[in-house]
């Protein structure tokens, strides 16, 4: 549907966002200048921190069109009834011939100064995303809130964009921790295998000494006792390490 005024035709007449959590979503407005005049426009919203409008001011040439992109920052939670109360106000006024966006001033949209300002209010509607299918029904908000206050729209700040990258950072950290754990397990396994090999070697040497002791009991008795004690100390140390 199209909203038709004396200066600009605006399509669509409501901003529809295929709502998805933690996802930045955009929709577009098509402004058509039906006159032979240069028409300046300005976009305001009741929730400027939530949306980014590009361009939020501009000039539509005679008999020409202009496309405006409205981007909603990623939302961390959904509304209980999926009915959004945010609204946009598009103001338009006749500008001087040959006017450019640099020539636009706030005074041009001041009704109290006698300027003829055409206004069009646009509501925000959340709709179910096309893919994957969602049971969320289309919400609606009838009428306009008399207490709504429109603000000039600006860009989203860096902190808001950065907050959306945190889940990726957390996944990165989990992957790094998992890699460190695998490396530690591998290292401990190698040390355990090495200790087992040394233990087997010591046991073999101990068995040889026992045989020698049986052949010559008097000569090896003291050495045998000393080495048995030494091997016990070494084995205890190795077992503690594993």
C-alpha atoms as a PDB file:
ATOM      1  CA  UNK A   1       0.000   0.000   0.000  1.00  0.00           C
ATOM      2  CA  UNK A   2       1.064   3.571  -0.662  1.00  0.00           C
ATOM      3  CA  UNK A   3       0.606   6.746   1.373  1.00  0.00           C
ATOM      4  CA  UNK A   4      -0.030   9.655  -0.966  1.00  0.00           C
ATOM      5  CA  UNK A   5       0.547  13.292  -0.029  1.00  0.00           C
ATOM      6  CA  UNK A   6       0.716  16.522  -2.008  1.00  0.00           C
ATOM      7  CA  UNK A   7       4.510  16.387  -2.267  1.00  0.00           C
ATOM      8  CA  UNK A   8       5.640  12.786  -1.840  1.00  0.00           C
ATOM      9  CA  UNK A   9       4.144   9.339  -2.277  1.00  0.00           C
ATOM     10  CA  UNK A  10       5.542   6.902   0.308  1.00  0.00           C
ATOM     11  CA  UNK A  11       5.586   3.160  -0.216  1.00  0.00           C
ATOM     12  CA  UNK A  12       4.907   1.093   1.851  1.00  0.00           C
ATOM     13  CA  UNK A  13       2.826   2.977   4.429  1.00  0.00           C
ATOM     14  CA  UNK A  14       4.175   0.833   7.291  1.00  0.00           C
ATOM     15  CA  UNK A  15       7.630  -0.540   8.064  1.00  0.00           C
ATOM     16  CA  UNK A  16       7.535  -4.338   8.093  1.00  0.00           C
ATOM     17  CA  UNK A  17      10.448  -6.170   9.720  1.00  0.00           C
ATOM     18  CA  UNK A  18      10.757  -9.993   9.443  1.00  0.00           C
ATOM     19  CA  UNK A  19      11.577 -10.242  13.149  1.00  0.00           C
ATOM     20  CA  UNK A  20      14.343 -12.596  14.290  1.00  0.00           C
ATOM     21  CA  UNK A  21      16.193 -12.488  17.609  1.00  0.00           C
ATOM     22  CA  UNK A  22      19.833 -11.336  17.586  1.00  0.00           C
ATOM     23  CA  UNK A  23      19.673 -10.378  13.918  1.00  0.00           C
ATOM     24  CA  UNK A  24      19.982  -6.955  12.322  1.00  0.00           C
ATOM     25  CA  UNK A  25      17.035  -6.405   9.967  1.00  0.00           C
ATOM     26  CA  UNK A  26      16.433  -3.781   7.276  1.00  0.00           C
ATOM     27  CA  UNK A  27      13.488  -2.608   5.205  1.00  0.00           C
ATOM     28  CA  UNK A  28      13.157   0.174   2.637  1.00  0.00           C
ATOM     29  CA  UNK A  29      10.893   3.125   1.885  1.00  0.00           C
ATOM     30  CA  UNK A  30      10.365   4.417  -1.621  1.00  0.00           C
ATOM     31  CA  UNK A  31       9.747   8.191  -1.838  1.00  0.00           C
ATOM     32  CA  UNK A  32       8.262   9.502  -5.107  1.00  0.00           C
ATOM     33  CA  UNK A  33       8.173  13.210  -5.923  1.00  0.00           C
ATOM     34  CA  UNK A  34       5.022  13.901  -7.938  1.00  0.00           C
ATOM     35  CA  UNK A  35       5.706  17.615  -8.367  1.00  0.00           C
ATOM     36  CA  UNK A  36       7.959  19.852 -10.451  1.00  0.00           C
ATOM     37  CA  UNK A  37       9.607  21.154  -7.278  1.00  0.00           C
ATOM     38  CA  UNK A  38      12.624  20.049  -5.341  1.00  0.00           C
ATOM     39  CA  UNK A  39      11.304  18.385  -2.148  1.00  0.00           C
ATOM     40  CA  UNK A  40      13.366  18.088   1.029  1.00  0.00           C
ATOM     41  CA  UNK A  41      12.522  15.351   3.539  1.00  0.00           C
ATOM     42  CA  UNK A  42      13.456  14.429   7.091  1.00  0.00           C
ATOM     43  CA  UNK A  43      12.842  11.171   9.009  1.00  0.00           C
ATOM     44  CA  UNK A  44      12.181  11.052  12.766  1.00  0.00           C
ATOM     45  CA  UNK A  45      11.359   8.148  15.077  1.00  0.00           C
ATOM     46  CA  UNK A  46      10.055   7.611  18.606  1.00  0.00           C
ATOM     47  CA  UNK A  47      12.976   5.218  19.309  1.00  0.00           C
ATOM     48  CA  UNK A  48      16.161   6.658  17.743  1.00  0.00           C
ATOM     49  CA  UNK A  49      18.549   4.302  19.589  1.00  0.00           C
ATOM     50  CA  UNK A  50      16.900   1.251  18.070  1.00  0.00           C
ATOM     51  CA  UNK A  51      16.985   2.260  14.395  1.00  0.00           C
ATOM     52  CA  UNK A  52      19.413   3.565  11.816  1.00  0.00           C
ATOM     53  CA  UNK A  53      17.983   5.506   8.839  1.00  0.00           C
ATOM     54  CA  UNK A  54      20.032   6.171   5.708  1.00  0.00           C
ATOM     55  CA  UNK A  55      19.578   8.819   4.541  1.00  0.00           C
ATOM     56  CA  UNK A  56      17.581  10.416   7.354  1.00  0.00           C
ATOM     57  CA  UNK A  57      17.482  13.727   5.435  1.00  0.00           C
ATOM     58  CA  UNK A  58      17.653  14.341   1.713  1.00  0.00           C
ATOM     59  CA  UNK A  59      16.231  15.983  -1.401  1.00  0.00           C
ATOM     60  CA  UNK A  60      13.996  14.263  -3.954  1.00  0.00           C
ATOM     61  CA  UNK A  61      14.373  15.789  -7.396  1.00  0.00           C
ATOM     62  CA  UNK A  62      11.292  16.758  -9.457  1.00  0.00           C
ATOM     63  CA  UNK A  63       9.433  13.734 -10.853  1.00  0.00           C
ATOM     64  CA  UNK A  64      12.039  11.446  -9.299  1.00  0.00           C
ATOM     65  CA  UNK A  65      12.247   8.813  -6.573  1.00  0.00           C
ATOM     66  CA  UNK A  66      14.500   8.221  -3.578  1.00  0.00           C
ATOM     67  CA  UNK A  67      15.078   5.047  -1.552  1.00  0.00           C
ATOM     68  CA  UNK A  68      15.453   5.194   2.248  1.00  0.00           C
ATOM     69  CA  UNK A  69      16.827   2.195   4.193  1.00  0.00           C
ATOM     70  CA  UNK A  70      15.663   1.694   7.787  1.00  0.00           C
ATOM     71  CA  UNK A  71      17.739  -0.776   9.819  1.00  0.00           C
ATOM     72  CA  UNK A  72      16.644  -2.185  13.164  1.00  0.00           C
ATOM     73  CA  UNK A  73      19.510  -3.244  15.403  1.00  0.00           C
ATOM     74  CA  UNK A  74      19.589  -6.859  16.635  1.00  0.00           C
ATOM     75  CA  UNK A  75      17.118  -7.439  19.478  1.00  0.00           C
ATOM     76  CA  UNK A  76      17.948  -9.661  22.471  1.00  0.00           C
ATOM     77  CA  UNK A  77      14.325 -10.447  23.337  1.00  0.00           C
ATOM     78  CA  UNK A  78      10.931 -10.445  21.641  1.00  0.00           C
ATOM     79  CA  UNK A  79       7.851  -8.527  22.698  1.00  0.00           C
ATOM     80  CA  UNK A  80       5.248 -10.768  24.418  1.00  0.00           C
ATOM     81  CA  UNK A  81       2.540 -10.020  21.828  1.00  0.00           C
ATOM     82  CA  UNK A  82       4.933  -9.131  18.963  1.00  0.00           C
ATOM     83  CA  UNK A  83       3.205  -5.752  18.647  1.00  0.00           C
ATOM     84  CA  UNK A  84       5.678  -2.906  18.288  1.00  0.00           C
ATOM     85  CA  UNK A  85       4.692   0.602  19.370  1.00  0.00           C
ATOM     86  CA  UNK A  86       7.579   2.346  17.575  1.00  0.00           C
ATOM     87  CA  UNK A  87       6.605   4.898  14.942  1.00  0.00           C
ATOM     88  CA  UNK A  88       8.306   6.989  12.279  1.00  0.00           C
ATOM     89  CA  UNK A  89       7.466  10.482  11.061  1.00  0.00           C
ATOM     90  CA  UNK A  90       8.463  11.532   7.556  1.00  0.00           C
ATOM     91  CA  UNK A  91       8.329  15.292   6.997  1.00  0.00           C
ATOM     92  CA  UNK A  92       8.559  16.871   3.555  1.00  0.00           C
ATOM     93  CA  UNK A  93       8.714  20.473   2.389  1.00  0.00           C
ATOM     94  CA  UNK A  94       9.291  22.324  -0.877  1.00  0.00           C
ATOM     95  CA  UNK A  95      12.962  23.280  -1.253  1.00  0.00           C
ATOM     96  CA  UNK A  96      14.695  25.852  -3.427  1.00  0.00           C
ATOM     97  CA  UNK A  97      15.409  24.844  -7.047  1.00  0.00           C
ATOM     98  CA  UNK A  98      18.722  23.010  -7.277  1.00  0.00           C
ATOM     99  CA  UNK A  99      18.796  22.305  -3.511  1.00  0.00           C
ATOM    100  CA  UNK A 100      21.074  19.568  -2.186  1.00  0.00           C
ATOM    101  CA  UNK A 101      21.107  17.676   1.165  1.00  0.00           C
ATOM    102  CA  UNK A 102      23.714  20.182   2.416  1.00  0.00           C
ATOM    103  CA  UNK A 103      21.124  22.947   2.067  1.00  0.00           C
ATOM    104  CA  UNK A 104      18.675  21.281   4.455  1.00  0.00           C
ATOM    105  CA  UNK A 105      18.233  23.031   7.812  1.00  0.00           C
ATOM    106  CA  UNK A 106      16.015  22.252  10.841  1.00  0.00           C
ATOM    107  CA  UNK A 107      14.269  25.593  10.287  1.00  0.00           C
ATOM    108  CA  UNK A 108      12.824  24.310   6.986  1.00  0.00           C
ATOM    109  CA  UNK A 109      10.617  21.837   8.911  1.00  0.00           C
ATOM    110  CA  UNK A 110       9.415  24.351  11.517  1.00  0.00           C
ATOM    111  CA  UNK A 111       5.672  24.791  11.133  1.00  0.00           C
ATOM    112  CA  UNK A 112       5.626  27.687  13.583  1.00  0.00           C
ATOM    113  CA  UNK A 113       7.758  29.710  11.199  1.00  0.00           C
ATOM    114  CA  UNK A 114       5.023  29.547   8.573  1.00  0.00           C
ATOM    115  CA  UNK A 115       6.477  26.732   6.450  1.00  0.00           C
ATOM    116  CA  UNK A 116       4.089  24.271   4.841  1.00  0.00           C
ATOM    117  CA  UNK A 117       5.325  20.920   6.166  1.00  0.00           C
ATOM    118  CA  UNK A 118       3.684  17.736   4.983  1.00  0.00           C
ATOM    119  CA  UNK A 119       3.853  14.869   7.502  1.00  0.00           C
ATOM    120  CA  UNK A 120       3.300  11.148   7.208  1.00  0.00           C
ATOM    121  CA  UNK A 121       3.299   8.815  10.215  1.00  0.00           C
ATOM    122  CA  UNK A 122       4.513   5.251   9.655  1.00  0.00           C
ATOM    123  CA  UNK A 123       4.054   2.449  12.158  1.00  0.00           C
ATOM    124  CA  UNK A 124       6.421  -0.495  12.699  1.00  0.00           C
ATOM    125  CA  UNK A 125       5.064  -4.024  12.240  1.00  0.00           C
ATOM    126  CA  UNK A 126       6.838  -7.283  13.070  1.00  0.00           C
ATOM    127  CA  UNK A 127       6.087 -10.115  10.642  1.00  0.00           C
ATOM    128  CA  UNK A 128       7.148 -13.752  10.624  1.00  0.00           C
ATOM    129  CA  UNK A 129      10.389 -14.366   8.694  1.00  0.00           C
ATOM    130  CA  UNK A 130       9.870 -16.188   5.373  1.00  0.00           C
ATOM    131  CA  UNK A 131      12.511 -18.837   6.182  1.00  0.00           C
ATOM    132  CA  UNK A 132      12.375 -20.789   8.356  1.00  0.00           C
ATOM    133  CA  UNK A 133       8.588 -20.771   8.906  1.00  0.00           C
ATOM    134  CA  UNK A 134       7.566 -19.287  12.230  1.00  0.00           C
ATOM    135  CA  UNK A 135       4.243 -19.503  14.118  1.00  0.00           C
ATOM    136  CA  UNK A 136       4.588 -15.864  15.172  1.00  0.00           C
ATOM    137  CA  UNK A 137       1.629 -13.969  13.733  1.00  0.00           C
ATOM    138  CA  UNK A 138       1.807 -10.496  12.265  1.00  0.00           C
ATOM    139  CA  UNK A 139       1.310  -7.858  14.910  1.00  0.00           C
ATOM    140  CA  UNK A 140      -0.438  -4.541  14.472  1.00  0.00           C
ATOM    141  CA  UNK A 141      -0.803  -1.280  16.293  1.00  0.00           C
ATOM    142  CA  UNK A 142      -3.851   0.765  15.418  1.00  0.00           C
ATOM    143  CA  UNK A 143      -3.878   4.534  15.588  1.00  0.00           C
ATOM    144  CA  UNK A 144      -1.134   6.749  16.904  1.00  0.00           C
ATOM    145  CA  UNK A 145      -0.062   7.403  20.451  1.00  0.00           C
ATOM    146  CA  UNK A 146      -0.811  11.031  21.385  1.00  0.00           C
ATOM    147  CA  UNK A 147       2.133  11.076  23.784  1.00  0.00           C
ATOM    148  CA  UNK A 148       4.654   9.750  21.264  1.00  0.00           C
ATOM    149  CA  UNK A 149       7.733  11.908  20.853  1.00  0.00           C
ATOM    150  CA  UNK A 150       9.691  11.770  17.595  1.00  0.00           C
ATOM    151  CA  UNK A 151      13.444  12.272  17.600  1.00  0.00           C
ATOM    152  CA  UNK A 152      15.928  12.861  14.820  1.00  0.00           C
ATOM    153  CA  UNK A 153      17.361   9.511  13.858  1.00  0.00           C
ATOM    154  CA  UNK A 154      21.083   8.831  14.046  1.00  0.00           C
ATOM    155  CA  UNK A 155      23.446   5.948  13.469  1.00  0.00           C
ATOM    156  CA  UNK A 156      23.939   3.091  15.897  1.00  0.00           C
ATOM    157  CA  UNK A 157      26.994   3.479  18.094  1.00  0.00           C
ATOM    158  CA  UNK A 158      29.984   1.132  18.094  1.00  0.00           C
ATOM    159  CA  UNK A 159      29.096  -0.445  21.450  1.00  0.00           C
ATOM    160  CA  UNK A 160      25.720  -1.632  20.119  1.00  0.00           C
ATOM    161  CA  UNK A 161      27.334  -3.249  17.096  1.00  0.00           C
ATOM    162  CA  UNK A 162      30.074  -4.781  19.251  1.00  0.00           C
ATOM    163  CA  UNK A 163      27.532  -6.427  21.548  1.00  0.00           C
ATOM    164  CA  UNK A 164      26.369  -8.590  18.659  1.00  0.00           C
ATOM    165  CA  UNK A 165      29.787 -10.063  18.125  1.00  0.00           C
ATOM    166  CA  UNK A 166      30.118 -11.342  21.692  1.00  0.00           C
ATOM    167  CA  UNK A 167      28.591 -14.795  21.019  1.00  0.00           C
ATOM    168  CA  UNK A 168      31.232 -15.323  18.304  1.00  0.00           C
ATOM    169  CA  UNK A 169      33.985 -14.308  20.749  1.00  0.00           C
ATOM    170  CA  UNK A 170      32.657 -16.730  23.368  1.00  0.00           C
ATOM    171  CA  UNK A 171      32.623 -19.569  20.829  1.00  0.00           C
ATOM    172  CA  UNK A 172      36.229 -18.668  19.962  1.00  0.00           C
ATOM    173  CA  UNK A 173      37.236 -18.861  23.625  1.00  0.00           C
ATOM    174  CA  UNK A 174      35.548 -22.241  24.065  1.00  0.00           C
ATOM    175  CA  UNK A 175      37.418 -23.589  21.029  1.00  0.00           C
ATOM    176  CA  UNK A 176      40.736 -22.299  22.414  1.00  0.00           C
ATOM    177  CA  UNK A 177      40.056 -23.850  25.831  1.00  0.00           C
ATOM    178  CA  UNK A 178      39.170 -27.169  24.195  1.00  0.00           C
ATOM    179  CA  UNK A 179      42.427 -27.090  22.209  1.00  0.00           C
ATOM    180  CA  UNK A 180      44.462 -26.371  25.365  1.00  0.00           C
ATOM    181  CA  UNK A 181      42.780 -29.255  27.185  1.00  0.00           C
ATOM    182  CA  UNK A 182      43.559 -31.704  24.369  1.00  0.00           C
ATOM    183  CA  UNK A 183      47.193 -30.542  24.343  1.00  0.00           C
ATOM    184  CA  UNK A 184      47.499 -31.028  28.125  1.00  0.00           C
ATOM    185  CA  UNK A 185      45.972 -34.524  27.979  1.00  0.00           C
ATOM    186  CA  UNK A 186      48.363 -35.492  25.176  1.00  0.00           C
ATOM    187  CA  UNK A 187      51.343 -34.230  27.175  1.00  0.00           C
ATOM    188  CA  UNK A 188      50.303 -36.119  30.330  1.00  0.00           C
ATOM    189  CA  UNK A 189      49.759 -39.293  28.305  1.00  0.00           C
ATOM    190  CA  UNK A 190      53.294 -39.059  26.877  1.00  0.00           C
ATOM    191  CA  UNK A 191      54.757 -38.526  30.351  1.00  0.00           C
ATOM    192  CA  UNK A 192      52.811 -41.526  31.709  1.00  0.00           C
ATOM    193  CA  UNK A 193      54.013 -43.774  28.868  1.00  0.00           C
ATOM    194  CA  UNK A 194      57.584 -42.631  29.462  1.00  0.00           C
ATOM    195  CA  UNK A 195      57.281 -43.398  33.175  1.00  0.00           C
ATOM    196  CA  UNK A 196      55.920 -46.874  32.438  1.00  0.00           C
ATOM    197  CA  UNK A 197      58.857 -47.593  30.117  1.00  0.00           C
ATOM    198  CA  UNK A 198      61.355 -46.448  32.759  1.00  0.00           C
ATOM    199  CA  UNK A 199      59.593 -48.554  35.341  1.00  0.00           C
ATOM    200  CA  UNK A 200      59.811 -51.644  33.138  1.00  0.00           C
ATOM    201  CA  UNK A 201      63.511 -50.979  32.515  1.00  0.00           C
ATOM    202  CA  UNK A 202      64.228 -50.641  36.235  1.00  0.00           C
ATOM    203  CA  UNK A 203      62.341 -53.833  36.967  1.00  0.00           C
ATOM    204  CA  UNK A 204      64.446 -55.672  34.379  1.00  0.00           C
ATOM    205  CA  UNK A 205      67.663 -54.320  35.919  1.00  0.00           C
ATOM    206  CA  UNK A 206      66.427 -55.281  39.377  1.00  0.00           C
ATOM    207  CA  UNK A 207      65.743 -58.834  38.181  1.00  0.00           C
ATOM    208  CA  UNK A 208      69.312 -59.089  36.805  1.00  0.00           C
ATOM    209  CA  UNK A 209      70.721 -57.919  40.126  1.00  0.00           C
ATOM    210  CA  UNK A 210      68.692 -60.523  41.962  1.00  0.00           C
ATOM    211  CA  UNK A 211      70.157 -63.257  39.812  1.00  0.00           C
ATOM    212  CA  UNK A 212      73.689 -61.950  40.396  1.00  0.00           C
ATOM    213  CA  UNK A 213      73.003 -61.798  44.118  1.00  0.00           C
ATOM    214  CA  UNK A 214      71.982 -65.454  44.151  1.00  0.00           C
ATOM    215  CA  UNK A 215      75.255 -66.398  42.463  1.00  0.00           C
ATOM    216  CA  UNK A 216      77.378 -64.330  44.853  1.00  0.00           C
ATOM    217  CA  UNK A 217      75.347 -63.496  48.004  1.00  0.00           C
ATOM    218  CA  UNK A 218      78.202 -61.944  50.000  1.00  0.00           C
ATOM    219  CA  UNK A 219      79.375 -59.517  47.313  1.00  0.00           C
ATOM    220  CA  UNK A 220      76.049 -58.069  46.239  1.00  0.00           C
ATOM    221  CA  UNK A 221      74.076 -57.938  49.471  1.00  0.00           C
ATOM    222  CA  UNK A 222      74.871 -54.324  50.394  1.00  0.00           C
ATOM    223  CA  UNK A 223      74.613 -53.022  46.801  1.00  0.00           C
ATOM    224  CA  UNK A 224      71.339 -54.878  46.359  1.00  0.00           C
ATOM    225  CA  UNK A 225      69.743 -53.224  49.392  1.00  0.00           C
ATOM    226  CA  UNK A 226      70.986 -49.786  48.328  1.00  0.00           C
ATOM    227  CA  UNK A 227      69.714 -50.073  44.770  1.00  0.00           C
ATOM    228  CA  UNK A 228      66.324 -51.424  45.855  1.00  0.00           C
ATOM    229  CA  UNK A 229      65.857 -48.350  48.041  1.00  0.00           C
ATOM    230  CA  UNK A 230      66.982 -46.046  45.210  1.00  0.00           C
ATOM    231  CA  UNK A 231      64.607 -47.676  42.711  1.00  0.00           C
ATOM    232  CA  UNK A 232      61.748 -47.309  45.181  1.00  0.00           C
ATOM    233  CA  UNK A 233      62.415 -43.590  45.502  1.00  0.00           C
ATOM    234  CA  UNK A 234      62.562 -43.142  41.719  1.00  0.00           C
ATOM    235  CA  UNK A 235      59.356 -45.107  41.161  1.00  0.00           C
ATOM    236  CA  UNK A 236      57.563 -43.036  43.799  1.00  0.00           C
ATOM    237  CA  UNK A 237      58.642 -39.816  42.125  1.00  0.00           C
ATOM    238  CA  UNK A 238      57.536 -41.011  38.707  1.00  0.00           C
ATOM    239  CA  UNK A 239      54.152 -42.157  39.982  1.00  0.00           C
ATOM    240  CA  UNK A 240      53.526 -38.756  41.582  1.00  0.00           C
ATOM    241  CA  UNK A 241      54.219 -37.018  38.274  1.00  0.00           C
ATOM    242  CA  UNK A 242      51.650 -39.155  36.437  1.00  0.00           C
END
